């Protein structure tokens, strides 16, 4: 068993004699324990805002430009150092984000590269040119990208675990409807063959 499944978890039913919470071995079917004691502790550790549930983002950000998984993959790779922000991090996908870069030790530190370019008239525009890796992390860029892809795939699955079953069921429903349509078409031909 993995260490996560061998730890003791409190059960939801108290002991009827003592009123103490019953502890039992954890199982793979258990929900993940909350990382914070309550909502106020979560807000305090995240600069006053609730930490985002990225599994919900994976499901809600899908649109014409791609799936929510595409958005999350780019989001988790686009953090860069910005000392002007309270967390010390900013993001190209979600500017002025309140979430710190929790994977920075794996990715390393990046800096945003901006250049001033002349715009219309005499205006000078501050144009983003890319992200430059300043300090390498514990993972190579290819390994970090693979890790983020795995994490995003997991978050996508967590956002809707029944999705695979729904897709499989949908295929069988379409096959049934196609067979039923053929039967109805032939029955219609048999009923109307004598009517001219």
N, C-alpha and C. Protein backbone atom coordinates (compact mmCIF):
# COMPACT_ATOMS: atom_id res chain seq x y z
N UNK A 1 0.83 -1.19 0.00
CA UNK A 1 0.00 0.00 0.00
C UNK A 1 0.87 1.25 0.00
N UNK A 2 0.34 2.30 -0.57
CA UNK A 2 1.08 3.56 -0.58
C UNK A 2 0.96 4.21 0.80
N UNK A 3 1.88 5.12 1.14
CA UNK A 3 1.81 5.77 2.45
C UNK A 3 0.50 6.51 2.67
N UNK A 4 -0.11 7.04 1.61
CA UNK A 4 -1.36 7.78 1.78
C UNK A 4 -2.50 6.87 2.22
N UNK A 5 -2.45 5.60 1.85
CA UNK A 5 -3.55 4.70 2.21
C UNK A 5 -3.31 3.99 3.53
N UNK A 6 -2.11 4.10 4.09
CA UNK A 6 -1.84 3.42 5.35
C UNK A 6 -2.06 4.33 6.55
N UNK A 7 -2.24 5.62 6.34
CA UNK A 7 -2.46 6.53 7.46
C UNK A 7 -3.87 6.35 7.99
N UNK A 8 -4.07 6.73 9.25
CA UNK A 8 -5.39 6.63 9.86
C UNK A 8 -6.23 7.84 9.49
N UNK A 9 -7.48 7.59 9.19
CA UNK A 9 -8.42 8.65 8.85
C UNK A 9 -9.55 8.64 9.85
N UNK A 10 -10.04 9.82 10.26
CA UNK A 10 -11.20 9.81 11.15
C UNK A 10 -12.44 9.38 10.38
N UNK A 11 -13.24 8.55 11.03
CA UNK A 11 -14.49 8.12 10.43
C UNK A 11 -15.56 9.16 10.74
N UNK A 12 -16.64 9.16 10.01
CA UNK A 12 -17.69 10.16 10.20
C UNK A 12 -18.59 9.84 11.38
N UNK A 13 -18.51 8.61 11.91
CA UNK A 13 -19.39 8.25 13.03
C UNK A 13 -18.59 8.23 14.33
N UNK A 14 -19.09 8.92 15.35
CA UNK A 14 -18.38 8.90 16.64
C UNK A 14 -18.68 7.61 17.41
N UNK A 15 -17.79 7.29 18.34
CA UNK A 15 -18.00 6.15 19.22
C UNK A 15 -19.17 6.48 20.14
N UNK A 16 -20.15 5.58 20.24
CA UNK A 16 -21.36 5.89 21.01
C UNK A 16 -21.11 5.90 22.51
N UNK A 17 -20.06 5.23 22.98
CA UNK A 17 -19.78 5.20 24.42
C UNK A 17 -19.00 6.43 24.87
N UNK A 18 -17.98 6.81 24.11
CA UNK A 18 -17.10 7.90 24.54
C UNK A 18 -17.33 9.20 23.79
N UNK A 19 -17.92 9.13 22.61
CA UNK A 19 -18.12 10.32 21.79
C UNK A 19 -16.90 10.68 20.96
N UNK A 20 -15.80 9.92 21.10
CA UNK A 20 -14.59 10.18 20.33
C UNK A 20 -14.80 9.78 18.87
N UNK A 21 -14.06 10.43 18.00
CA UNK A 21 -14.12 10.10 16.58
C UNK A 21 -13.34 8.82 16.36
N UNK A 22 -13.93 7.89 15.64
CA UNK A 22 -13.30 6.60 15.37
C UNK A 22 -12.30 6.77 14.23
N UNK A 23 -11.09 6.25 14.45
CA UNK A 23 -10.07 6.28 13.40
C UNK A 23 -10.02 4.92 12.74
N UNK A 24 -9.80 4.92 11.44
CA UNK A 24 -9.74 3.68 10.67
C UNK A 24 -8.65 3.84 9.62
N UNK A 25 -8.19 2.74 9.06
CA UNK A 25 -7.20 2.86 7.97
C UNK A 25 -7.83 3.55 6.76
N UNK A 26 -7.05 4.38 6.11
CA UNK A 26 -7.53 5.08 4.92
C UNK A 26 -7.66 4.09 3.76
N UNK A 27 -8.60 4.38 2.89
CA UNK A 27 -8.80 3.55 1.70
C UNK A 27 -8.67 4.42 0.45
N UNK A 28 -8.42 3.83 -0.71
CA UNK A 28 -8.32 4.63 -1.93
C UNK A 28 -9.62 5.36 -2.28
N UNK A 29 -10.75 4.92 -1.75
CA UNK A 29 -12.02 5.57 -2.06
C UNK A 29 -12.27 6.82 -1.22
N UNK A 30 -11.42 7.08 -0.22
CA UNK A 30 -11.60 8.26 0.62
C UNK A 30 -11.37 9.54 -0.16
N UNK A 31 -12.06 10.59 0.25
CA UNK A 31 -11.82 11.91 -0.35
C UNK A 31 -10.47 12.42 0.15
N UNK A 32 -9.88 13.33 -0.64
CA UNK A 32 -8.64 13.95 -0.20
C UNK A 32 -8.92 14.81 1.02
N UNK A 33 -8.04 14.80 2.00
CA UNK A 33 -8.25 15.68 3.15
C UNK A 33 -8.03 17.13 2.75
N UNK A 34 -8.78 18.01 3.36
CA UNK A 34 -8.65 19.43 3.06
C UNK A 34 -7.28 19.91 3.56
N UNK A 35 -6.58 20.72 2.77
CA UNK A 35 -5.26 21.18 3.21
C UNK A 35 -5.34 22.26 4.29
N UNK A 36 -6.51 22.86 4.48
CA UNK A 36 -6.68 23.92 5.47
C UNK A 36 -7.77 23.54 6.45
N UNK A 37 -7.65 24.05 7.66
CA UNK A 37 -8.63 23.72 8.70
C UNK A 37 -10.02 24.27 8.36
N UNK A 38 -10.06 25.46 7.78
CA UNK A 38 -11.35 26.06 7.42
C UNK A 38 -11.12 27.09 6.32
N UNK A 39 -12.20 27.74 5.89
CA UNK A 39 -12.11 28.70 4.79
C UNK A 39 -11.24 29.90 5.14
N UNK A 40 -11.28 30.32 6.41
CA UNK A 40 -10.50 31.49 6.82
C UNK A 40 -8.99 31.20 6.77
N UNK A 41 -8.60 29.99 7.16
CA UNK A 41 -7.19 29.61 7.07
C UNK A 41 -6.75 29.55 5.61
N UNK A 42 -7.64 29.08 4.73
CA UNK A 42 -7.32 29.02 3.31
C UNK A 42 -7.14 30.42 2.74
N UNK A 43 -8.03 31.33 3.11
CA UNK A 43 -7.92 32.71 2.62
C UNK A 43 -6.65 33.37 3.15
N UNK A 44 -6.33 33.15 4.41
CA UNK A 44 -5.15 33.78 5.00
C UNK A 44 -3.87 33.32 4.31
N UNK A 45 -3.81 32.08 3.91
CA UNK A 45 -2.60 31.58 3.27
C UNK A 45 -2.52 31.92 1.79
N UNK A 46 -3.60 32.48 1.24
CA UNK A 46 -3.64 32.76 -0.20
C UNK A 46 -3.91 34.24 -0.48
N UNK A 47 -3.42 35.10 0.37
CA UNK A 47 -3.53 36.53 0.13
C UNK A 47 -4.95 37.07 0.20
N UNK A 48 -5.82 36.46 1.01
CA UNK A 48 -7.16 36.97 1.20
C UNK A 48 -8.21 36.38 0.27
N UNK A 49 -7.82 35.55 -0.68
CA UNK A 49 -8.78 34.95 -1.61
C UNK A 49 -8.78 33.44 -1.43
N UNK A 50 -9.93 32.84 -1.73
CA UNK A 50 -9.99 31.38 -1.67
C UNK A 50 -9.04 30.79 -2.71
N UNK A 51 -8.33 29.73 -2.36
CA UNK A 51 -7.48 29.08 -3.37
C UNK A 51 -8.35 28.50 -4.48
N UNK A 52 -7.89 28.56 -5.70
CA UNK A 52 -8.72 28.06 -6.80
C UNK A 52 -8.77 26.55 -6.81
N UNK A 53 -9.92 26.02 -7.21
CA UNK A 53 -10.06 24.59 -7.42
C UNK A 53 -9.79 24.36 -8.90
N UNK A 54 -8.59 23.91 -9.22
CA UNK A 54 -8.19 23.78 -10.62
C UNK A 54 -8.95 22.69 -11.36
N UNK A 55 -9.55 21.74 -10.63
CA UNK A 55 -10.37 20.74 -11.33
C UNK A 55 -11.63 21.39 -11.90
N UNK A 56 -12.16 22.40 -11.21
CA UNK A 56 -13.32 23.13 -11.73
C UNK A 56 -12.91 23.97 -12.93
N UNK A 57 -11.71 24.56 -12.87
CA UNK A 57 -11.21 25.35 -13.98
C UNK A 57 -11.03 24.46 -15.22
N UNK A 58 -10.56 23.23 -15.01
CA UNK A 58 -10.36 22.31 -16.14
C UNK A 58 -11.67 22.05 -16.88
N UNK A 59 -12.76 22.07 -16.17
CA UNK A 59 -14.06 21.80 -16.79
C UNK A 59 -14.71 23.06 -17.34
N UNK A 60 -14.52 24.19 -16.68
CA UNK A 60 -15.26 25.39 -17.05
C UNK A 60 -14.59 26.24 -18.12
N UNK A 61 -13.31 26.09 -18.36
CA UNK A 61 -12.59 26.95 -19.30
C UNK A 61 -12.58 26.44 -20.73
N UNK A 62 -13.32 25.40 -21.01
CA UNK A 62 -13.31 24.90 -22.38
C UNK A 62 -14.13 25.82 -23.27
N UNK A 63 -13.66 25.99 -24.49
CA UNK A 63 -14.34 26.87 -25.43
C UNK A 63 -13.79 26.69 -26.82
N UNK A 64 -13.99 27.69 -27.66
CA UNK A 64 -13.57 27.61 -29.05
C UNK A 64 -12.05 27.54 -29.19
N UNK A 65 -11.32 28.06 -28.21
CA UNK A 65 -9.86 28.07 -28.30
C UNK A 65 -9.21 26.82 -27.72
N UNK A 66 -9.99 25.85 -27.29
CA UNK A 66 -9.43 24.63 -26.74
C UNK A 66 -10.17 24.20 -25.50
N UNK A 67 -9.66 23.15 -24.88
CA UNK A 67 -10.31 22.63 -23.69
C UNK A 67 -9.77 23.32 -22.45
N UNK A 68 -10.40 23.05 -21.33
CA UNK A 68 -9.90 23.58 -20.07
C UNK A 68 -8.54 23.00 -19.73
N UNK A 69 -8.28 21.78 -20.21
CA UNK A 69 -6.96 21.17 -19.97
C UNK A 69 -5.87 21.96 -20.69
N UNK A 70 -6.16 22.44 -21.90
CA UNK A 70 -5.19 23.27 -22.63
C UNK A 70 -4.90 24.54 -21.86
N UNK A 71 -5.96 25.16 -21.34
CA UNK A 71 -5.80 26.39 -20.56
C UNK A 71 -4.94 26.13 -19.32
N UNK A 72 -5.26 25.07 -18.57
CA UNK A 72 -4.50 24.77 -17.36
C UNK A 72 -3.04 24.44 -17.66
N UNK A 73 -2.80 23.70 -18.73
CA UNK A 73 -1.43 23.35 -19.10
C UNK A 73 -0.61 24.62 -19.36
N UNK A 74 -1.19 25.53 -20.10
CA UNK A 74 -0.48 26.79 -20.39
C UNK A 74 -0.36 27.64 -19.12
N UNK A 75 -1.41 27.66 -18.32
CA UNK A 75 -1.41 28.44 -17.07
C UNK A 75 -0.30 27.98 -16.13
N UNK A 76 -0.16 26.68 -15.93
CA UNK A 76 0.84 26.16 -14.99
C UNK A 76 2.27 26.29 -15.51
N UNK A 77 2.44 26.56 -16.79
CA UNK A 77 3.77 26.75 -17.36
C UNK A 77 4.13 28.23 -17.54
N UNK A 78 3.20 29.14 -17.26
CA UNK A 78 3.40 30.56 -17.59
C UNK A 78 3.66 31.46 -16.40
N UNK A 79 4.05 30.91 -15.27
CA UNK A 79 4.39 31.75 -14.11
C UNK A 79 5.78 32.35 -14.29
N UNK A 80 5.94 33.57 -13.81
CA UNK A 80 7.26 34.22 -13.84
C UNK A 80 7.40 35.11 -12.61
N UNK A 81 8.66 35.40 -12.25
CA UNK A 81 8.94 36.23 -11.08
C UNK A 81 8.52 37.66 -11.36
N UNK A 82 7.82 38.23 -10.37
CA UNK A 82 7.38 39.63 -10.45
C UNK A 82 7.33 40.16 -9.03
N UNK A 83 8.36 40.91 -8.64
CA UNK A 83 8.45 41.39 -7.26
C UNK A 83 7.37 42.40 -6.91
N UNK A 84 6.67 42.94 -7.90
CA UNK A 84 5.62 43.91 -7.62
C UNK A 84 4.35 43.25 -7.10
N UNK A 85 4.22 41.97 -7.26
CA UNK A 85 3.03 41.22 -6.80
C UNK A 85 3.22 40.76 -5.36
N UNK A 86 2.14 40.66 -4.59
CA UNK A 86 2.26 40.23 -3.18
C UNK A 86 2.86 38.82 -3.02
N UNK A 87 2.59 37.93 -3.96
CA UNK A 87 3.13 36.57 -3.86
C UNK A 87 4.52 36.46 -4.47
N UNK A 88 4.95 37.48 -5.21
CA UNK A 88 6.24 37.44 -5.88
C UNK A 88 6.18 36.77 -7.24
N UNK A 89 4.97 36.38 -7.68
CA UNK A 89 4.79 35.68 -8.95
C UNK A 89 3.67 36.34 -9.73
N UNK A 90 3.77 36.24 -11.05
CA UNK A 90 2.69 36.67 -11.93
C UNK A 90 2.54 35.61 -13.01
N UNK A 91 1.52 35.76 -13.84
CA UNK A 91 1.24 34.75 -14.84
C UNK A 91 0.85 35.42 -16.14
N UNK A 92 1.34 34.90 -17.26
CA UNK A 92 1.01 35.46 -18.57
C UNK A 92 -0.43 35.15 -18.98
N UNK A 93 -0.95 33.99 -18.57
CA UNK A 93 -2.30 33.59 -18.95
C UNK A 93 -3.35 34.32 -18.11
N UNK A 94 -3.06 34.49 -16.82
CA UNK A 94 -3.97 35.14 -15.88
C UNK A 94 -3.19 36.27 -15.21
N UNK A 95 -3.13 37.45 -15.83
CA UNK A 95 -2.33 38.53 -15.27
C UNK A 95 -2.79 38.93 -13.87
N UNK A 96 -1.82 39.27 -13.03
CA UNK A 96 -2.06 39.71 -11.65
C UNK A 96 -2.77 38.64 -10.83
N UNK A 97 -2.44 37.40 -11.07
CA UNK A 97 -3.05 36.28 -10.36
C UNK A 97 -2.65 36.34 -8.89
N UNK A 98 -3.55 35.93 -8.01
CA UNK A 98 -3.27 35.91 -6.58
C UNK A 98 -2.64 34.61 -6.11
N UNK A 99 -2.62 33.61 -7.00
CA UNK A 99 -2.09 32.30 -6.63
C UNK A 99 -0.57 32.29 -6.79
N UNK A 100 0.16 31.84 -5.78
CA UNK A 100 1.61 31.71 -5.95
C UNK A 100 1.94 30.53 -6.85
N UNK A 101 3.16 30.52 -7.35
CA UNK A 101 3.61 29.42 -8.22
C UNK A 101 4.05 28.27 -7.32
N UNK A 102 3.16 27.29 -7.13
CA UNK A 102 3.44 26.21 -6.19
C UNK A 102 4.42 25.19 -6.75
N UNK A 103 4.66 25.20 -8.05
CA UNK A 103 5.57 24.24 -8.67
C UNK A 103 6.92 24.86 -9.04
N UNK A 104 7.25 25.99 -8.44
CA UNK A 104 8.45 26.71 -8.87
C UNK A 104 9.73 25.92 -8.61
N UNK A 105 9.75 25.10 -7.58
CA UNK A 105 10.97 24.33 -7.32
C UNK A 105 11.22 23.31 -8.43
N UNK A 106 10.15 22.81 -9.03
CA UNK A 106 10.30 21.87 -10.14
C UNK A 106 10.67 22.58 -11.43
N UNK A 107 10.01 23.71 -11.70
CA UNK A 107 10.23 24.43 -12.96
C UNK A 107 11.45 25.33 -12.91
N UNK A 108 11.70 25.93 -11.77
CA UNK A 108 12.74 26.96 -11.67
C UNK A 108 12.09 28.33 -11.77
N UNK A 109 12.91 29.37 -11.78
CA UNK A 109 12.37 30.72 -11.88
C UNK A 109 12.53 31.24 -13.29
N UNK A 110 11.47 31.85 -13.77
CA UNK A 110 11.45 32.47 -15.10
C UNK A 110 11.24 33.97 -14.94
N UNK A 111 11.72 34.70 -15.88
CA UNK A 111 11.48 36.15 -15.96
C UNK A 111 10.78 36.45 -17.27
N UNK A 112 9.89 37.39 -17.23
CA UNK A 112 9.23 37.83 -18.46
C UNK A 112 10.15 38.82 -19.17
N UNK A 113 10.28 38.66 -20.48
CA UNK A 113 11.10 39.55 -21.29
C UNK A 113 10.16 40.47 -22.06
N UNK A 114 10.31 41.76 -21.81
CA UNK A 114 9.51 42.77 -22.49
C UNK A 114 10.43 43.69 -23.27
N UNK A 115 9.95 44.19 -24.40
CA UNK A 115 10.69 45.17 -25.19
C UNK A 115 9.76 46.32 -25.51
N UNK A 116 10.36 47.50 -25.58
CA UNK A 116 9.58 48.67 -25.97
C UNK A 116 9.61 48.80 -27.48
N UNK A 117 8.42 48.89 -28.08
CA UNK A 117 8.31 49.06 -29.52
C UNK A 117 7.44 50.26 -29.80
N UNK A 118 7.76 50.90 -30.92
CA UNK A 118 6.98 52.06 -31.31
C UNK A 118 5.64 51.61 -31.86
N UNK A 119 4.58 52.17 -31.33
CA UNK A 119 3.24 51.85 -31.80
C UNK A 119 2.76 52.92 -32.76
N UNK A 120 1.46 53.13 -32.78
CA UNK A 120 0.87 54.16 -33.64
C UNK A 120 1.30 55.53 -33.15
N UNK A 121 1.67 56.35 -34.06
CA UNK A 121 2.10 57.71 -33.70
C UNK A 121 3.41 57.65 -32.93
N UNK A 122 3.45 58.37 -31.82
CA UNK A 122 4.65 58.42 -30.99
C UNK A 122 4.56 57.52 -29.77
N UNK A 123 3.51 56.71 -29.68
CA UNK A 123 3.32 55.85 -28.51
C UNK A 123 4.35 54.73 -28.49
N UNK A 124 4.85 54.45 -27.30
CA UNK A 124 5.77 53.32 -27.10
C UNK A 124 4.99 52.24 -26.36
N UNK A 125 5.00 51.04 -26.94
CA UNK A 125 4.28 49.93 -26.34
C UNK A 125 5.25 48.96 -25.68
N UNK A 126 4.84 48.47 -24.52
CA UNK A 126 5.60 47.47 -23.76
C UNK A 126 5.14 46.10 -24.25
N UNK A 127 5.94 45.42 -25.10
CA UNK A 127 5.51 44.19 -25.76
C UNK A 127 6.21 42.98 -25.13
N UNK A 128 5.42 41.96 -24.83
CA UNK A 128 5.94 40.71 -24.26
C UNK A 128 6.65 39.92 -25.35
N UNK A 129 7.88 39.48 -25.07
CA UNK A 129 8.66 38.72 -26.05
C UNK A 129 8.86 37.26 -25.67
N UNK A 130 8.63 36.90 -24.41
CA UNK A 130 8.79 35.50 -24.01
C UNK A 130 9.20 35.38 -22.56
N UNK A 131 9.34 34.14 -22.12
CA UNK A 131 9.79 33.85 -20.76
C UNK A 131 11.20 33.27 -20.83
N UNK A 132 12.08 33.79 -19.96
CA UNK A 132 13.47 33.34 -19.94
C UNK A 132 13.72 32.63 -18.61
N UNK A 133 14.23 31.41 -18.68
CA UNK A 133 14.54 30.63 -17.48
C UNK A 133 15.79 31.20 -16.83
N UNK A 134 15.64 31.71 -15.60
CA UNK A 134 16.80 32.28 -14.88
C UNK A 134 17.51 31.23 -14.05
N UNK A 135 16.73 30.52 -13.23
CA UNK A 135 17.29 29.50 -12.37
C UNK A 135 16.62 28.18 -12.69
N UNK A 136 17.36 27.17 -13.11
CA UNK A 136 16.72 25.90 -13.43
C UNK A 136 16.15 25.24 -12.18
N UNK A 137 15.09 24.50 -12.36
CA UNK A 137 14.47 23.78 -11.26
C UNK A 137 15.05 22.39 -11.11
N UNK A 138 14.40 21.58 -10.30
CA UNK A 138 14.88 20.22 -10.06
C UNK A 138 14.54 19.30 -11.23
N UNK A 139 13.63 19.72 -12.11
CA UNK A 139 13.25 18.95 -13.29
C UNK A 139 13.72 19.69 -14.54
N UNK A 140 14.06 18.93 -15.56
CA UNK A 140 14.41 19.57 -16.83
C UNK A 140 13.14 20.15 -17.44
N UNK A 141 13.26 21.12 -18.37
CA UNK A 141 12.04 21.68 -18.98
C UNK A 141 11.15 20.62 -19.62
N UNK A 142 11.72 19.62 -20.27
CA UNK A 142 10.90 18.56 -20.89
C UNK A 142 10.19 17.73 -19.82
N UNK A 143 10.91 17.39 -18.75
CA UNK A 143 10.30 16.62 -17.67
C UNK A 143 9.22 17.42 -16.95
N UNK A 144 9.49 18.71 -16.74
CA UNK A 144 8.48 19.56 -16.09
C UNK A 144 7.22 19.64 -16.95
N UNK A 145 7.38 19.81 -18.26
CA UNK A 145 6.21 19.86 -19.15
C UNK A 145 5.44 18.55 -19.12
N UNK A 146 6.15 17.43 -19.05
CA UNK A 146 5.48 16.13 -18.97
C UNK A 146 4.75 15.98 -17.63
N UNK A 147 5.37 16.46 -16.55
CA UNK A 147 4.72 16.41 -15.23
C UNK A 147 3.46 17.26 -15.21
N UNK A 148 3.53 18.45 -15.80
CA UNK A 148 2.36 19.32 -15.85
C UNK A 148 1.27 18.68 -16.71
N UNK A 149 1.65 18.05 -17.81
CA UNK A 149 0.65 17.37 -18.65
C UNK A 149 -0.03 16.25 -17.86
N UNK A 150 0.73 15.49 -17.08
CA UNK A 150 0.14 14.43 -16.25
C UNK A 150 -0.79 15.02 -15.19
N UNK A 151 -0.34 16.10 -14.55
CA UNK A 151 -1.15 16.75 -13.52
C UNK A 151 -2.46 17.28 -14.11
N UNK A 152 -2.38 17.90 -15.27
CA UNK A 152 -3.57 18.45 -15.92
C UNK A 152 -4.51 17.32 -16.35
N UNK A 153 -3.97 16.22 -16.83
CA UNK A 153 -4.82 15.08 -17.19
C UNK A 153 -5.55 14.55 -15.95
N UNK A 154 -4.86 14.53 -14.83
CA UNK A 154 -5.50 14.09 -13.59
C UNK A 154 -6.58 15.08 -13.17
N UNK A 155 -6.30 16.37 -13.24
CA UNK A 155 -7.30 17.38 -12.88
C UNK A 155 -8.51 17.31 -13.81
N UNK A 156 -8.25 17.04 -15.08
CA UNK A 156 -9.35 16.89 -16.04
C UNK A 156 -10.22 15.70 -15.65
N UNK A 157 -9.59 14.60 -15.27
CA UNK A 157 -10.35 13.43 -14.86
C UNK A 157 -11.10 13.72 -13.55
N UNK A 158 -10.46 14.40 -12.60
CA UNK A 158 -11.10 14.72 -11.32
C UNK A 158 -12.30 15.65 -11.51
N UNK A 159 -12.27 16.48 -12.53
CA UNK A 159 -13.38 17.41 -12.73
C UNK A 159 -14.65 16.67 -13.11
N UNK A 160 -14.52 15.52 -13.75
CA UNK A 160 -15.69 14.73 -14.12
C UNK A 160 -15.28 13.27 -14.29
N UNK A 161 -15.21 12.51 -13.19
CA UNK A 161 -14.75 11.12 -13.29
C UNK A 161 -15.64 10.24 -14.14
N UNK A 162 -16.91 10.57 -14.28
CA UNK A 162 -17.84 9.73 -15.04
C UNK A 162 -17.81 10.03 -16.54
N UNK A 163 -16.93 10.91 -16.98
CA UNK A 163 -16.91 11.31 -18.38
C UNK A 163 -16.61 10.13 -19.31
N UNK A 164 -15.66 9.30 -18.94
CA UNK A 164 -15.33 8.14 -19.80
C UNK A 164 -16.53 7.21 -19.96
N UNK A 165 -17.26 6.98 -18.86
CA UNK A 165 -18.45 6.14 -18.94
C UNK A 165 -19.51 6.79 -19.82
N UNK A 166 -19.68 8.11 -19.70
CA UNK A 166 -20.66 8.81 -20.53
C UNK A 166 -20.31 8.70 -22.01
N UNK A 167 -19.04 8.81 -22.33
CA UNK A 167 -18.62 8.70 -23.74
C UNK A 167 -18.89 7.29 -24.25
N UNK A 168 -18.55 6.28 -23.46
CA UNK A 168 -18.81 4.90 -23.87
C UNK A 168 -20.30 4.64 -24.02
N UNK A 169 -21.08 5.14 -23.08
CA UNK A 169 -22.53 4.96 -23.15
C UNK A 169 -23.09 5.68 -24.37
N UNK A 170 -22.56 6.87 -24.67
CA UNK A 170 -23.01 7.63 -25.83
C UNK A 170 -22.77 6.88 -27.13
N UNK A 171 -21.65 6.19 -27.23
CA UNK A 171 -21.36 5.41 -28.44
C UNK A 171 -22.39 4.30 -28.59
N UNK A 172 -22.69 3.59 -27.49
CA UNK A 172 -23.68 2.52 -27.56
C UNK A 172 -25.08 3.05 -27.88
N UNK A 173 -25.41 4.22 -27.35
CA UNK A 173 -26.72 4.82 -27.66
C UNK A 173 -26.80 5.16 -29.15
N UNK A 174 -25.74 5.70 -29.70
CA UNK A 174 -25.75 6.02 -31.13
C UNK A 174 -25.84 4.77 -31.99
N UNK A 175 -25.16 3.71 -31.59
CA UNK A 175 -25.27 2.44 -32.33
C UNK A 175 -26.70 1.91 -32.25
N UNK A 176 -27.31 1.96 -31.07
CA UNK A 176 -28.69 1.52 -30.92
C UNK A 176 -29.62 2.36 -31.79
N UNK A 177 -29.45 3.67 -31.78
CA UNK A 177 -30.32 4.54 -32.59
C UNK A 177 -30.14 4.25 -34.08
N UNK A 178 -28.93 3.97 -34.51
CA UNK A 178 -28.70 3.66 -35.93
C UNK A 178 -29.41 2.36 -36.30
N UNK A 179 -29.30 1.33 -35.46
CA UNK A 179 -29.99 0.06 -35.74
C UNK A 179 -31.50 0.25 -35.70
N UNK A 180 -31.98 1.00 -34.71
CA UNK A 180 -33.42 1.27 -34.58
C UNK A 180 -33.93 2.04 -35.80
N UNK A 181 -33.14 2.98 -36.30
CA UNK A 181 -33.54 3.75 -37.48
C UNK A 181 -33.68 2.84 -38.70
N UNK A 182 -32.73 1.89 -38.87
CA UNK A 182 -32.82 0.95 -39.99
C UNK A 182 -34.08 0.09 -39.86
N UNK A 183 -34.36 -0.40 -38.65
CA UNK A 183 -35.57 -1.21 -38.44
C UNK A 183 -36.82 -0.39 -38.75
N UNK A 184 -36.88 0.84 -38.27
CA UNK A 184 -38.04 1.71 -38.54
C UNK A 184 -38.18 1.99 -40.04
N UNK A 185 -37.08 2.22 -40.70
CA UNK A 185 -37.12 2.50 -42.14
C UNK A 185 -37.67 1.30 -42.90
N UNK A 186 -37.21 0.09 -42.54
CA UNK A 186 -37.71 -1.12 -43.23
C UNK A 186 -39.17 -1.40 -42.87
N UNK A 187 -39.56 -1.17 -41.62
CA UNK A 187 -40.97 -1.34 -41.24
C UNK A 187 -41.86 -0.36 -41.99
N UNK A 188 -41.40 0.86 -42.13
CA UNK A 188 -42.17 1.86 -42.89
C UNK A 188 -42.34 1.40 -44.32
N UNK A 189 -41.28 0.87 -44.93
CA UNK A 189 -41.37 0.38 -46.31
C UNK A 189 -42.33 -0.79 -46.41
N UNK A 190 -42.32 -1.68 -45.38
CA UNK A 190 -43.22 -2.85 -45.41
C UNK A 190 -44.67 -2.41 -45.24
N UNK A 191 -44.95 -1.45 -44.39
CA UNK A 191 -46.33 -1.01 -44.15
C UNK A 191 -46.91 -0.29 -45.38
N UNK A 192 -46.08 0.47 -46.08
CA UNK A 192 -46.59 1.31 -47.18
C UNK A 192 -46.37 0.70 -48.56
N UNK A 193 -45.91 -0.55 -48.63
CA UNK A 193 -45.62 -1.13 -49.94
C UNK A 193 -46.87 -1.32 -50.80
N UNK A 194 -48.05 -1.58 -50.18
CA UNK A 194 -49.27 -1.80 -50.94
C UNK A 194 -50.03 -0.50 -51.20
N UNK A 195 -49.64 0.58 -50.55
CA UNK A 195 -50.33 1.86 -50.73
C UNK A 195 -49.60 2.63 -51.82
N UNK A 196 -50.34 3.03 -52.82
CA UNK A 196 -49.73 3.79 -53.92
C UNK A 196 -50.40 5.12 -54.05
